Amino acid sequence: MRHELLTRALPALRHDMAAPLSVIRMSLLLLRHRAAAAQEGEDGSEEPLQAISEQVDALAEGVRSLRDWELAASDDGVTRSALVQRCASLMRAAFELHGIGLHVDEALLADSPDAPRFPEGAALRYMVLGALGYLHDTTEQLGAIRIEAVGPEALRFIATQADAASAEPMPIAGALRAPRKLAIDAVALQALADGLGYAVAVEGASVRLSLRGNHSET
C-alpha cells in the first residue's frame, strides 16, 4: 500500500528534481558560449555560475527530501497546514490532468504561530495520500476533492461528483487511475491506518483522519 502511494507521488517528486537539472544544463551552455566569445575584462560569467549554485542546492534538497518518505527516519513533526499543502502539491497536477479539482480550506493555507506539530511526518503523509487515493479510486465521475480542518487535530476529505456537462471523459481521462488490482478501497485504507496507528473513518463520500496516532501500538 505504501509502495503504491509513493508510486503515485513519484511524478511530482521527479519533477522537483528534474527542474534544477534543466536550469543547470542551460547555465552550462551559456557559460560555454560566453567562454568561447570572452575577451579581456568582465565576461559576465558570475550570473550563470550563481544560477548553477542555486540549482545544485535545490537538487540536493530534492534528493534529501526522499529520506522524508522513510518511516524509520526521525523528524521533528509537521504542522497540519504544512502536511496538507505538501500532499496537495504532490497530487494536484495528476488530478487536474484529467479534470479533478483539489481544493484546500482557507484554514489550512497558513499556520498560526502556535500551531501544533504532529509527530511521524512520513506516516501522516502516507495517510493523507491514502485518503486522497481512496476517494480518487472509489468515486464515480469524481469532480473534486476538498480538504477541510476538523477541530484542532483532524482532517476531512470530501469528494464531489462532476457536473453532468463536464462529466465527458477527457482524452487521457483515467490514465492516472490505478488498475483495479492496485486500487485503494476501504479495506486497503483501513489496513494502512491500522499499520501506521491512526484513526480513519469513511463517511459516505468523505474520509475523516485524526492526526494524533496511537504509536505505542505500532
N, C-alpha and C. Protein backbone atom coordinates (compact mmCIF):
# COMPACT_ATOMS: atom_id res chain seq x y z
N MET A 1 0.83 -1.20 0.00
CA MET A 1 0.00 0.00 0.00
C MET A 1 0.87 1.26 0.00
N ARG A 2 1.87 1.29 0.91
CA ARG A 2 2.74 2.47 0.94
C ARG A 2 3.52 2.60 -0.36
N HIS A 3 3.92 1.47 -0.95
CA HIS A 3 4.62 1.50 -2.23
C HIS A 3 3.72 2.09 -3.31
N GLU A 4 2.46 1.71 -3.31
CA GLU A 4 1.52 2.24 -4.31
C GLU A 4 1.38 3.76 -4.16
N LEU A 5 1.27 4.25 -2.93
CA LEU A 5 1.14 5.69 -2.71
C LEU A 5 2.40 6.44 -3.13
N LEU A 6 3.55 5.88 -2.82
CA LEU A 6 4.81 6.52 -3.23
C LEU A 6 4.92 6.55 -4.75
N THR A 7 4.46 5.48 -5.40
CA THR A 7 4.48 5.44 -6.86
C THR A 7 3.63 6.55 -7.45
N ARG A 8 2.49 6.83 -6.83
CA ARG A 8 1.62 7.89 -7.34
C ARG A 8 2.22 9.27 -7.12
N ALA A 9 3.01 9.42 -6.07
CA ALA A 9 3.62 10.73 -5.78
C ALA A 9 4.93 10.94 -6.54
N LEU A 10 5.51 9.89 -7.10
CA LEU A 10 6.82 10.00 -7.73
C LEU A 10 6.88 10.99 -8.89
N PRO A 11 5.83 11.10 -9.74
CA PRO A 11 5.94 12.09 -10.83
C PRO A 11 6.23 13.50 -10.33
N ALA A 12 5.58 13.90 -9.24
CA ALA A 12 5.84 15.24 -8.70
C ALA A 12 7.23 15.31 -8.09
N LEU A 13 7.65 14.26 -7.40
CA LEU A 13 9.00 14.24 -6.83
C LEU A 13 10.05 14.28 -7.92
N ARG A 14 9.79 13.55 -9.01
CA ARG A 14 10.73 13.53 -10.13
C ARG A 14 10.83 14.91 -10.76
N HIS A 15 9.71 15.60 -10.89
CA HIS A 15 9.72 16.95 -11.46
C HIS A 15 10.52 17.90 -10.59
N ASP A 16 10.36 17.78 -9.26
CA ASP A 16 11.07 18.67 -8.35
C ASP A 16 12.58 18.53 -8.50
N MET A 17 13.04 17.32 -8.86
CA MET A 17 14.48 17.12 -9.00
C MET A 17 14.96 17.34 -10.43
N ALA A 18 14.06 17.17 -11.41
CA ALA A 18 14.46 17.35 -12.81
C ALA A 18 14.54 18.82 -13.19
N ALA A 19 13.70 19.66 -12.59
CA ALA A 19 13.69 21.08 -12.95
C ALA A 19 15.04 21.74 -12.71
N PRO A 20 15.69 21.55 -11.55
CA PRO A 20 17.02 22.16 -11.38
C PRO A 20 18.04 21.67 -12.39
N LEU A 21 17.94 20.40 -12.80
CA LEU A 21 18.88 19.87 -13.78
C LEU A 21 18.75 20.61 -15.11
N SER A 22 17.52 20.96 -15.49
CA SER A 22 17.31 21.69 -16.74
C SER A 22 17.97 23.06 -16.68
N VAL A 23 17.83 23.74 -15.55
CA VAL A 23 18.45 25.06 -15.39
C VAL A 23 19.96 24.94 -15.41
N ILE A 24 20.49 23.91 -14.76
CA ILE A 24 21.94 23.70 -14.74
C ILE A 24 22.47 23.50 -16.16
N ARG A 25 21.76 22.69 -16.95
CA ARG A 25 22.21 22.45 -18.33
C ARG A 25 22.21 23.74 -19.14
N MET A 26 21.15 24.54 -18.99
CA MET A 26 21.08 25.81 -19.72
C MET A 26 22.18 26.75 -19.28
N SER A 27 22.46 26.80 -17.99
CA SER A 27 23.51 27.70 -17.49
C SER A 27 24.89 27.27 -17.99
N LEU A 28 25.13 25.96 -18.05
CA LEU A 28 26.41 25.47 -18.55
C LEU A 28 26.58 25.80 -20.03
N LEU A 29 25.49 25.68 -20.80
CA LEU A 29 25.58 26.05 -22.21
C LEU A 29 25.90 27.53 -22.37
N LEU A 30 25.28 28.36 -21.52
CA LEU A 30 25.54 29.79 -21.57
C LEU A 30 26.99 30.09 -21.22
N LEU A 31 27.52 29.41 -20.22
CA LEU A 31 28.92 29.61 -19.83
C LEU A 31 29.86 29.23 -20.97
N ARG A 32 29.58 28.11 -21.63
CA ARG A 32 30.43 27.70 -22.74
C ARG A 32 30.41 28.74 -23.86
N HIS A 33 29.22 29.26 -24.12
CA HIS A 33 29.09 30.27 -25.17
C HIS A 33 29.88 31.52 -24.82
N ARG A 34 29.75 31.95 -23.56
CA ARG A 34 30.46 33.17 -23.15
C ARG A 34 31.97 32.94 -23.10
N ALA A 35 32.36 31.74 -22.72
CA ALA A 35 33.79 31.44 -22.68
C ALA A 35 34.40 31.49 -24.07
N ALA A 36 33.63 31.00 -25.05
CA ALA A 36 34.14 31.00 -26.42
C ALA A 36 34.26 32.41 -26.97
N ALA A 37 33.37 33.30 -26.51
CA ALA A 37 33.37 34.67 -27.03
C ALA A 37 34.01 35.67 -26.09
N ALA A 38 34.60 35.16 -25.00
CA ALA A 38 35.14 36.07 -23.97
C ALA A 38 36.32 36.86 -24.51
N GLN A 39 36.38 38.12 -24.09
CA GLN A 39 37.51 38.97 -24.40
C GLN A 39 38.08 39.47 -23.09
N GLU A 40 39.00 40.35 -23.13
CA GLU A 40 39.59 40.88 -21.92
C GLU A 40 38.53 41.63 -21.13
N GLY A 41 38.62 41.54 -19.78
CA GLY A 41 37.68 42.24 -18.92
C GLY A 41 36.59 41.31 -18.43
N GLU A 42 35.52 41.90 -17.95
CA GLU A 42 34.39 41.15 -17.38
C GLU A 42 33.72 40.32 -18.46
N ASP A 43 33.58 39.02 -18.20
CA ASP A 43 32.95 38.16 -19.20
C ASP A 43 31.53 37.79 -18.85
N GLY A 44 31.01 38.30 -17.73
CA GLY A 44 29.61 38.06 -17.38
C GLY A 44 29.30 36.65 -16.95
N SER A 45 30.31 35.93 -16.44
CA SER A 45 30.08 34.53 -16.07
C SER A 45 29.53 34.38 -14.66
N GLU A 46 29.52 35.43 -13.86
CA GLU A 46 29.10 35.32 -12.48
C GLU A 46 27.62 34.94 -12.36
N GLU A 47 26.79 35.51 -13.22
CA GLU A 47 25.34 35.25 -13.13
C GLU A 47 25.01 33.78 -13.38
N PRO A 48 25.47 33.17 -14.48
CA PRO A 48 25.16 31.73 -14.65
C PRO A 48 25.79 30.85 -13.59
N LEU A 49 26.98 31.25 -13.08
CA LEU A 49 27.58 30.46 -12.00
C LEU A 49 26.71 30.49 -10.76
N GLN A 50 26.14 31.64 -10.45
CA GLN A 50 25.24 31.74 -9.30
C GLN A 50 23.99 30.90 -9.52
N ALA A 51 23.48 30.92 -10.76
CA ALA A 51 22.29 30.12 -11.07
C ALA A 51 22.58 28.63 -10.89
N ILE A 52 23.76 28.20 -11.34
CA ILE A 52 24.13 26.79 -11.19
C ILE A 52 24.22 26.43 -9.71
N SER A 53 24.85 27.29 -8.93
CA SER A 53 24.98 27.02 -7.50
C SER A 53 23.62 26.87 -6.83
N GLU A 54 22.69 27.77 -7.18
CA GLU A 54 21.36 27.71 -6.58
C GLU A 54 20.62 26.44 -6.98
N GLN A 55 20.75 26.03 -8.23
CA GLN A 55 20.04 24.85 -8.69
C GLN A 55 20.65 23.57 -8.15
N VAL A 56 21.97 23.56 -7.97
CA VAL A 56 22.60 22.40 -7.33
C VAL A 56 22.08 22.25 -5.91
N ASP A 57 21.94 23.38 -5.21
CA ASP A 57 21.37 23.34 -3.86
C ASP A 57 19.95 22.80 -3.88
N ALA A 58 19.16 23.25 -4.87
CA ALA A 58 17.77 22.78 -4.98
C ALA A 58 17.73 21.29 -5.28
N LEU A 59 18.63 20.83 -6.14
CA LEU A 59 18.68 19.40 -6.47
C LEU A 59 19.07 18.58 -5.24
N ALA A 60 20.06 19.07 -4.49
CA ALA A 60 20.47 18.36 -3.29
C ALA A 60 19.32 18.30 -2.28
N GLU A 61 18.57 19.37 -2.17
CA GLU A 61 17.42 19.37 -1.26
C GLU A 61 16.36 18.38 -1.72
N GLY A 62 16.17 18.27 -3.04
CA GLY A 62 15.21 17.30 -3.56
C GLY A 62 15.63 15.87 -3.25
N VAL A 63 16.91 15.58 -3.39
CA VAL A 63 17.41 14.24 -3.07
C VAL A 63 17.24 13.96 -1.58
N ARG A 64 17.57 14.96 -0.74
CA ARG A 64 17.41 14.77 0.70
C ARG A 64 15.95 14.55 1.08
N SER A 65 15.03 15.18 0.32
CA SER A 65 13.61 15.06 0.66
C SER A 65 13.11 13.63 0.51
N LEU A 66 13.79 12.81 -0.30
CA LEU A 66 13.38 11.42 -0.44
C LEU A 66 13.48 10.67 0.89
N ARG A 67 14.41 11.12 1.74
CA ARG A 67 14.56 10.48 3.03
C ARG A 67 13.31 10.69 3.89
N ASP A 68 12.55 11.75 3.60
CA ASP A 68 11.34 12.03 4.38
C ASP A 68 10.27 10.95 4.21
N TRP A 69 10.44 10.10 3.20
CA TRP A 69 9.45 9.04 2.97
C TRP A 69 9.78 7.77 3.74
N GLU A 70 10.90 7.76 4.42
CA GLU A 70 11.28 6.59 5.21
C GLU A 70 10.62 6.66 6.58
N LEU A 71 9.81 5.67 6.90
CA LEU A 71 9.11 5.68 8.19
C LEU A 71 10.07 5.62 9.36
N ALA A 72 11.24 5.03 9.15
CA ALA A 72 12.19 4.89 10.25
C ALA A 72 12.99 6.16 10.50
N ALA A 73 12.91 7.11 9.56
CA ALA A 73 13.69 8.34 9.72
C ALA A 73 13.05 9.22 10.79
N SER A 74 13.88 9.75 11.68
CA SER A 74 13.36 10.63 12.73
C SER A 74 13.08 12.01 12.14
N ASP A 75 12.06 12.68 12.66
CA ASP A 75 11.75 14.04 12.21
C ASP A 75 11.19 14.81 13.39
N ASP A 76 11.10 16.12 13.21
CA ASP A 76 10.59 16.96 14.29
C ASP A 76 9.11 17.24 14.15
N GLY A 77 8.43 16.41 13.38
CA GLY A 77 6.99 16.57 13.22
C GLY A 77 6.62 17.54 12.11
N VAL A 78 5.34 17.73 11.93
CA VAL A 78 4.86 18.59 10.86
C VAL A 78 3.57 19.27 11.32
N THR A 79 3.35 20.49 10.91
CA THR A 79 2.09 21.16 11.22
C THR A 79 1.02 20.67 10.26
N ARG A 80 -0.23 20.86 10.64
CA ARG A 80 -1.32 20.37 9.80
C ARG A 80 -1.34 21.06 8.44
N SER A 81 -1.14 22.38 8.43
CA SER A 81 -1.16 23.11 7.17
C SER A 81 -0.03 22.69 6.26
N ALA A 82 1.17 22.55 6.81
CA ALA A 82 2.32 22.13 6.01
C ALA A 82 2.10 20.74 5.43
N LEU A 83 1.52 19.85 6.21
CA LEU A 83 1.23 18.50 5.75
C LEU A 83 0.27 18.52 4.57
N VAL A 84 -0.82 19.26 4.71
CA VAL A 84 -1.83 19.32 3.65
C VAL A 84 -1.26 19.96 2.39
N GLN A 85 -0.55 21.06 2.55
CA GLN A 85 -0.03 21.75 1.38
C GLN A 85 1.00 20.90 0.65
N ARG A 86 1.82 20.15 1.37
CA ARG A 86 2.81 19.30 0.71
C ARG A 86 2.13 18.19 -0.07
N CYS A 87 1.17 17.53 0.54
CA CYS A 87 0.47 16.44 -0.14
C CYS A 87 -0.35 16.95 -1.32
N ALA A 88 -0.98 18.10 -1.15
CA ALA A 88 -1.76 18.68 -2.26
C ALA A 88 -0.85 19.02 -3.43
N SER A 89 0.35 19.54 -3.14
CA SER A 89 1.26 19.89 -4.22
C SER A 89 1.74 18.64 -4.97
N LEU A 90 1.85 17.53 -4.26
CA LEU A 90 2.28 16.29 -4.89
C LEU A 90 1.23 15.73 -5.84
N MET A 91 -0.05 15.90 -5.52
CA MET A 91 -1.10 15.25 -6.29
C MET A 91 -1.90 16.19 -7.19
N ARG A 92 -1.77 17.50 -7.01
CA ARG A 92 -2.64 18.42 -7.76
C ARG A 92 -2.48 18.28 -9.27
N ALA A 93 -1.25 18.23 -9.76
CA ALA A 93 -1.05 18.14 -11.21
C ALA A 93 -1.65 16.86 -11.77
N ALA A 94 -1.46 15.74 -11.07
CA ALA A 94 -2.00 14.46 -11.54
C ALA A 94 -3.52 14.49 -11.56
N PHE A 95 -4.13 15.10 -10.56
CA PHE A 95 -5.59 15.18 -10.51
C PHE A 95 -6.12 16.11 -11.61
N GLU A 96 -5.54 17.30 -11.70
CA GLU A 96 -6.05 18.28 -12.66
C GLU A 96 -5.82 17.84 -14.09
N LEU A 97 -4.86 16.94 -14.30
CA LEU A 97 -4.58 16.46 -15.64
C LEU A 97 -5.79 15.80 -16.27
N HIS A 98 -6.63 15.19 -15.44
CA HIS A 98 -7.86 14.64 -16.00
C HIS A 98 -9.09 15.18 -15.28
N GLY A 99 -9.05 16.50 -15.02
CA GLY A 99 -10.26 17.24 -14.67
C GLY A 99 -10.74 17.13 -13.24
N ILE A 100 -9.88 16.74 -12.31
CA ILE A 100 -10.30 16.62 -10.91
C ILE A 100 -9.66 17.77 -10.12
N GLY A 101 -10.51 18.58 -9.50
CA GLY A 101 -10.01 19.68 -8.70
C GLY A 101 -9.56 19.20 -7.33
N LEU A 102 -8.58 19.88 -6.78
CA LEU A 102 -8.09 19.58 -5.43
C LEU A 102 -8.06 20.90 -4.67
N HIS A 103 -9.00 21.05 -3.74
CA HIS A 103 -9.19 22.32 -3.06
C HIS A 103 -8.85 22.19 -1.57
N VAL A 104 -8.20 23.21 -1.04
CA VAL A 104 -7.78 23.22 0.35
C VAL A 104 -8.51 24.35 1.07
N ASP A 105 -9.10 24.03 2.21
CA ASP A 105 -9.81 25.02 3.01
C ASP A 105 -8.87 26.15 3.42
N GLU A 106 -9.41 27.37 3.47
CA GLU A 106 -8.58 28.53 3.81
C GLU A 106 -7.89 28.38 5.16
N ALA A 107 -8.53 27.68 6.08
CA ALA A 107 -7.94 27.50 7.41
C ALA A 107 -6.66 26.68 7.37
N LEU A 108 -6.42 26.00 6.24
CA LEU A 108 -5.23 25.15 6.12
C LEU A 108 -4.15 25.76 5.24
N LEU A 109 -4.34 27.00 4.82
CA LEU A 109 -3.38 27.62 3.93
C LEU A 109 -2.18 28.21 4.66
N ALA A 110 -2.34 28.48 5.94
CA ALA A 110 -1.23 29.06 6.71
C ALA A 110 -1.34 28.63 8.15
N ASP A 111 -0.19 28.53 8.81
CA ASP A 111 -0.14 28.13 10.21
C ASP A 111 -0.16 29.36 11.12
N SER A 112 -0.79 29.23 12.25
CA SER A 112 -0.69 30.25 13.28
C SER A 112 0.64 30.07 14.00
N PRO A 113 1.13 31.11 14.67
CA PRO A 113 2.44 31.00 15.35
C PRO A 113 2.51 29.85 16.34
N ASP A 114 1.38 29.51 16.95
CA ASP A 114 1.38 28.44 17.95
C ASP A 114 0.79 27.14 17.41
N ALA A 115 0.82 26.96 16.10
CA ALA A 115 0.25 25.75 15.50
C ALA A 115 0.97 24.52 16.03
N PRO A 116 0.24 23.49 16.46
CA PRO A 116 0.90 22.29 16.98
C PRO A 116 1.58 21.50 15.87
N ARG A 117 2.61 20.79 16.26
CA ARG A 117 3.31 19.91 15.34
C ARG A 117 2.95 18.47 15.69
N PHE A 118 2.69 17.69 14.66
CA PHE A 118 2.32 16.30 14.85
C PHE A 118 3.52 15.42 14.51
N PRO A 119 3.83 14.45 15.36
CA PRO A 119 4.99 13.59 15.10
C PRO A 119 4.75 12.64 13.94
N GLU A 120 5.82 11.99 13.52
CA GLU A 120 5.74 10.98 12.44
C GLU A 120 5.23 11.59 11.14
N GLY A 121 5.96 12.59 10.65
CA GLY A 121 5.53 13.28 9.44
C GLY A 121 5.42 12.36 8.24
N ALA A 122 6.32 11.38 8.10
CA ALA A 122 6.26 10.47 6.96
C ALA A 122 4.98 9.63 7.00
N ALA A 123 4.63 9.13 8.16
CA ALA A 123 3.41 8.33 8.29
C ALA A 123 2.17 9.15 7.96
N LEU A 124 2.14 10.39 8.43
CA LEU A 124 0.99 11.26 8.15
C LEU A 124 0.89 11.56 6.65
N ARG A 125 2.03 11.70 6.00
CA ARG A 125 1.99 11.95 4.56
C ARG A 125 1.36 10.76 3.84
N TYR A 126 1.73 9.56 4.25
CA TYR A 126 1.12 8.38 3.64
C TYR A 126 -0.39 8.35 3.91
N MET A 127 -0.81 8.75 5.11
CA MET A 127 -2.23 8.73 5.43
C MET A 127 -3.02 9.72 4.59
N VAL A 128 -2.49 10.93 4.43
CA VAL A 128 -3.19 11.93 3.63
C VAL A 128 -3.27 11.48 2.17
N LEU A 129 -2.17 10.98 1.64
CA LEU A 129 -2.19 10.47 0.27
C LEU A 129 -3.12 9.27 0.14
N GLY A 130 -3.19 8.46 1.18
CA GLY A 130 -4.11 7.32 1.16
C GLY A 130 -5.55 7.75 1.09
N ALA A 131 -5.92 8.78 1.86
CA ALA A 131 -7.29 9.28 1.83
C ALA A 131 -7.62 9.86 0.46
N LEU A 132 -6.70 10.61 -0.11
CA LEU A 132 -6.92 11.17 -1.45
C LEU A 132 -7.03 10.05 -2.48
N GLY A 133 -6.15 9.05 -2.37
CA GLY A 133 -6.19 7.94 -3.31
C GLY A 133 -7.48 7.13 -3.20
N TYR A 134 -7.96 6.96 -1.97
CA TYR A 134 -9.22 6.21 -1.78
C TYR A 134 -10.38 6.92 -2.49
N LEU A 135 -10.52 8.22 -2.26
CA LEU A 135 -11.62 8.96 -2.89
C LEU A 135 -11.45 9.00 -4.40
N HIS A 136 -10.22 9.09 -4.85
CA HIS A 136 -9.95 9.10 -6.29
C HIS A 136 -10.36 7.79 -6.94
N ASP A 137 -10.07 6.68 -6.27
CA ASP A 137 -10.30 5.37 -6.89
C ASP A 137 -11.73 4.86 -6.73
N THR A 138 -12.48 5.39 -5.78
CA THR A 138 -13.80 4.82 -5.49
C THR A 138 -14.97 5.73 -5.84
N THR A 139 -14.72 6.97 -6.19
CA THR A 139 -15.81 7.90 -6.50
C THR A 139 -16.05 7.94 -8.00
N GLU A 140 -17.25 7.58 -8.41
CA GLU A 140 -17.60 7.62 -9.82
C GLU A 140 -17.75 9.07 -10.27
N GLN A 141 -17.22 9.37 -11.46
CA GLN A 141 -17.29 10.71 -12.04
C GLN A 141 -16.83 11.77 -11.02
N LEU A 142 -15.69 11.53 -10.44
CA LEU A 142 -15.15 12.45 -9.45
C LEU A 142 -14.86 13.80 -10.08
N GLY A 143 -15.37 14.85 -9.45
CA GLY A 143 -15.13 16.20 -9.95
C GLY A 143 -14.11 16.97 -9.15
N ALA A 144 -14.11 16.76 -7.82
CA ALA A 144 -13.18 17.49 -6.97
C ALA A 144 -13.09 16.83 -5.61
N ILE A 145 -11.99 17.10 -4.92
CA ILE A 145 -11.81 16.70 -3.53
C ILE A 145 -11.44 17.95 -2.75
N ARG A 146 -12.12 18.14 -1.64
CA ARG A 146 -11.85 19.28 -0.77
C ARG A 146 -11.29 18.78 0.55
N ILE A 147 -10.24 19.45 1.03
CA ILE A 147 -9.63 19.10 2.30
C ILE A 147 -9.98 20.18 3.31
N GLU A 148 -10.61 19.77 4.41
CA GLU A 148 -11.05 20.71 5.43
C GLU A 148 -10.46 20.36 6.79
N ALA A 149 -10.32 21.37 7.62
CA ALA A 149 -9.89 21.17 9.00
C ALA A 149 -11.08 20.74 9.85
N VAL A 150 -10.85 19.79 10.74
CA VAL A 150 -11.87 19.34 11.69
C VAL A 150 -11.28 19.50 13.09
N GLY A 151 -11.79 20.46 13.84
CA GLY A 151 -11.21 20.70 15.16
C GLY A 151 -9.74 21.06 15.03
N PRO A 152 -8.97 20.88 16.09
CA PRO A 152 -7.54 21.23 16.04
C PRO A 152 -6.63 20.11 15.57
N GLU A 153 -7.15 18.87 15.46
CA GLU A 153 -6.24 17.75 15.22
C GLU A 153 -6.77 16.73 14.23
N ALA A 154 -7.58 17.15 13.29
CA ALA A 154 -8.12 16.19 12.33
C ALA A 154 -8.35 16.87 10.98
N LEU A 155 -8.56 16.03 9.97
CA LEU A 155 -8.84 16.49 8.61
C LEU A 155 -10.03 15.73 8.06
N ARG A 156 -10.76 16.38 7.17
CA ARG A 156 -11.82 15.69 6.44
C ARG A 156 -11.60 15.92 4.94
N PHE A 157 -11.69 14.84 4.18
CA PHE A 157 -11.54 14.87 2.73
C PHE A 157 -12.92 14.59 2.13
N ILE A 158 -13.42 15.50 1.33
CA ILE A 158 -14.78 15.39 0.80
C ILE A 158 -14.74 15.33 -0.72
N ALA A 159 -15.34 14.28 -1.28
CA ALA A 159 -15.39 14.11 -2.73
C ALA A 159 -16.72 14.63 -3.26
N THR A 160 -16.68 15.31 -4.39
CA THR A 160 -17.89 15.75 -5.08
C THR A 160 -17.83 15.26 -6.51
N GLN A 161 -18.99 14.94 -7.05
CA GLN A 161 -19.05 14.45 -8.41
C GLN A 161 -19.01 15.61 -9.39
N ALA A 162 -18.57 15.32 -10.62
CA ALA A 162 -18.52 16.34 -11.65
C ALA A 162 -19.92 16.66 -12.14
N ASP A 163 -20.12 17.88 -12.59
CA ASP A 163 -21.39 18.25 -13.21
C ASP A 163 -21.60 17.41 -14.45
N ALA A 164 -22.87 17.20 -14.79
CA ALA A 164 -23.19 16.38 -15.96
C ALA A 164 -22.55 16.95 -17.22
N ALA A 165 -22.49 18.30 -17.31
CA ALA A 165 -21.95 18.93 -18.51
C ALA A 165 -20.45 18.71 -18.64
N SER A 166 -19.80 18.50 -17.49
CA SER A 166 -18.34 18.33 -17.53
C SER A 166 -17.91 16.90 -17.26
N ALA A 167 -18.87 15.98 -17.28
CA ALA A 167 -18.57 14.60 -16.96
C ALA A 167 -18.01 13.81 -18.14
N GLU A 168 -18.00 14.42 -19.37
CA GLU A 168 -17.45 13.72 -20.51
C GLU A 168 -15.97 13.47 -20.29
N PRO A 169 -15.50 12.26 -20.52
CA PRO A 169 -14.09 11.96 -20.26
C PRO A 169 -13.16 12.74 -21.16
N MET A 170 -12.05 13.19 -20.60
CA MET A 170 -11.01 13.83 -21.39
C MET A 170 -10.25 12.77 -22.16
N PRO A 171 -9.48 13.16 -23.20
CA PRO A 171 -8.76 12.15 -23.99
C PRO A 171 -7.88 11.23 -23.17
N ILE A 172 -7.29 11.76 -22.08
CA ILE A 172 -6.41 10.93 -21.26
C ILE A 172 -7.05 10.62 -19.92
N ALA A 173 -8.36 10.83 -19.82
CA ALA A 173 -9.02 10.56 -18.54
C ALA A 173 -8.80 9.12 -18.14
N GLY A 174 -8.48 8.92 -16.88
CA GLY A 174 -8.25 7.58 -16.39
C GLY A 174 -6.82 7.10 -16.56
N ALA A 175 -5.99 7.90 -17.24
CA ALA A 175 -4.61 7.46 -17.45
C ALA A 175 -3.86 7.31 -16.15
N LEU A 176 -4.26 8.12 -15.15
CA LEU A 176 -3.57 8.05 -13.86
C LEU A 176 -4.33 7.22 -12.84
N ARG A 177 -5.48 6.70 -13.21
CA ARG A 177 -6.26 5.89 -12.28
C ARG A 177 -5.62 4.50 -12.19
N ALA A 178 -5.48 4.04 -10.98
CA ALA A 178 -4.77 2.78 -10.77
C ALA A 178 -5.54 1.61 -11.37
N PRO A 179 -4.83 0.58 -11.85
CA PRO A 179 -5.50 -0.65 -12.26
C PRO A 179 -6.30 -1.21 -11.09
N ARG A 180 -7.34 -1.97 -11.40
CA ARG A 180 -8.23 -2.45 -10.35
C ARG A 180 -7.47 -3.19 -9.25
N LYS A 181 -6.47 -4.00 -9.60
CA LYS A 181 -5.76 -4.76 -8.57
C LYS A 181 -4.94 -3.86 -7.66
N LEU A 182 -4.69 -2.60 -8.07
CA LEU A 182 -3.94 -1.67 -7.24
C LEU A 182 -4.81 -0.57 -6.66
N ALA A 183 -6.11 -0.62 -6.95
CA ALA A 183 -7.00 0.43 -6.47
C ALA A 183 -7.04 0.44 -4.95
N ILE A 184 -7.18 1.65 -4.39
CA ILE A 184 -7.25 1.81 -2.94
C ILE A 184 -8.71 1.83 -2.53
N ASP A 185 -9.17 0.74 -1.90
CA ASP A 185 -10.54 0.68 -1.43
C ASP A 185 -10.56 0.89 0.07
N ALA A 186 -11.75 0.74 0.67
CA ALA A 186 -11.89 0.99 2.11
C ALA A 186 -11.05 0.02 2.93
N VAL A 187 -10.96 -1.22 2.47
CA VAL A 187 -10.17 -2.22 3.19
C VAL A 187 -8.70 -1.83 3.19
N ALA A 188 -8.19 -1.42 2.02
CA ALA A 188 -6.78 -1.03 1.92
C ALA A 188 -6.50 0.21 2.76
N LEU A 189 -7.41 1.18 2.74
CA LEU A 189 -7.22 2.40 3.53
C LEU A 189 -7.20 2.08 5.02
N GLN A 190 -8.10 1.21 5.46
CA GLN A 190 -8.14 0.84 6.88
C GLN A 190 -6.89 0.06 7.27
N ALA A 191 -6.41 -0.78 6.37
CA ALA A 191 -5.18 -1.53 6.66
C ALA A 191 -3.99 -0.59 6.80
N LEU A 192 -3.95 0.43 5.95
CA LEU A 192 -2.88 1.42 6.05
C LEU A 192 -2.96 2.15 7.40
N ALA A 193 -4.17 2.55 7.79
CA ALA A 193 -4.35 3.26 9.06
C ALA A 193 -3.98 2.37 10.24
N ASP A 194 -4.40 1.12 10.20
CA ASP A 194 -4.08 0.20 11.29
C ASP A 194 -2.57 -0.01 11.39
N GLY A 195 -1.92 -0.15 10.24
CA GLY A 195 -0.48 -0.40 10.24
C GLY A 195 0.32 0.79 10.75
N LEU A 196 -0.17 2.00 10.47
CA LEU A 196 0.56 3.19 10.88
C LEU A 196 0.08 3.75 12.22
N GLY A 197 -1.06 3.24 12.71
CA GLY A 197 -1.54 3.65 14.02
C GLY A 197 -2.36 4.91 14.05
N TYR A 198 -3.23 5.09 13.05
CA TYR A 198 -4.09 6.27 13.01
C TYR A 198 -5.56 5.86 12.90
N ALA A 199 -6.42 6.75 13.38
CA ALA A 199 -7.86 6.52 13.29
C ALA A 199 -8.39 7.17 12.02
N VAL A 200 -9.06 6.38 11.20
CA VAL A 200 -9.63 6.89 9.96
C VAL A 200 -11.06 6.38 9.86
N ALA A 201 -11.96 7.22 9.35
CA ALA A 201 -13.36 6.83 9.23
C ALA A 201 -13.88 7.24 7.86
N VAL A 202 -14.42 6.27 7.13
CA VAL A 202 -15.06 6.55 5.85
C VAL A 202 -16.52 6.88 6.12
N GLU A 203 -16.93 8.08 5.73
CA GLU A 203 -18.28 8.56 5.99
C GLU A 203 -18.92 8.96 4.68
N GLY A 204 -19.51 7.99 3.98
CA GLY A 204 -20.10 8.27 2.68
C GLY A 204 -19.03 8.68 1.68
N ALA A 205 -19.18 9.89 1.13
CA ALA A 205 -18.21 10.38 0.15
C ALA A 205 -17.12 11.20 0.81
N SER A 206 -16.83 10.94 2.06
CA SER A 206 -15.79 11.68 2.76
C SER A 206 -14.97 10.74 3.64
N VAL A 207 -13.80 11.21 4.01
CA VAL A 207 -12.91 10.46 4.90
C VAL A 207 -12.47 11.40 6.00
N ARG A 208 -12.54 10.94 7.23
CA ARG A 208 -12.08 11.73 8.37
C ARG A 208 -10.82 11.07 8.93
N LEU A 209 -9.78 11.88 9.13
CA LEU A 209 -8.49 11.38 9.60
C LEU A 209 -8.06 12.14 10.84
N SER A 210 -7.76 11.40 11.90
CA SER A 210 -7.20 12.01 13.11
C SER A 210 -5.68 12.02 12.98
N LEU A 211 -5.08 13.16 13.26
CA LEU A 211 -3.63 13.30 13.10
C LEU A 211 -2.84 12.86 14.32
N ARG A 212 -3.54 12.53 15.41
CA ARG A 212 -2.88 12.02 16.60
C ARG A 212 -2.94 10.51 16.57
N GLY A 213 -1.83 9.88 16.31
CA GLY A 213 -1.82 8.43 16.20
C GLY A 213 -1.50 7.75 17.52
N ASN A 214 -1.86 6.48 17.59
CA ASN A 214 -1.55 5.67 18.75
C ASN A 214 -0.31 4.85 18.44
N HIS A 215 0.86 5.52 18.48
CA HIS A 215 2.09 4.87 18.01
C HIS A 215 2.64 3.86 18.99
N SER A 216 2.09 3.81 20.17
CA SER A 216 2.57 2.80 21.12
C SER A 216 2.19 1.40 20.69
N GLU A 217 1.21 1.32 19.75
CA GLU A 217 0.77 0.00 19.29
C GLU A 217 1.35 -0.36 17.94
N THR A 218 2.18 0.53 17.36
CA THR A 218 2.73 0.25 16.04
C THR A 218 4.19 -0.14 16.12
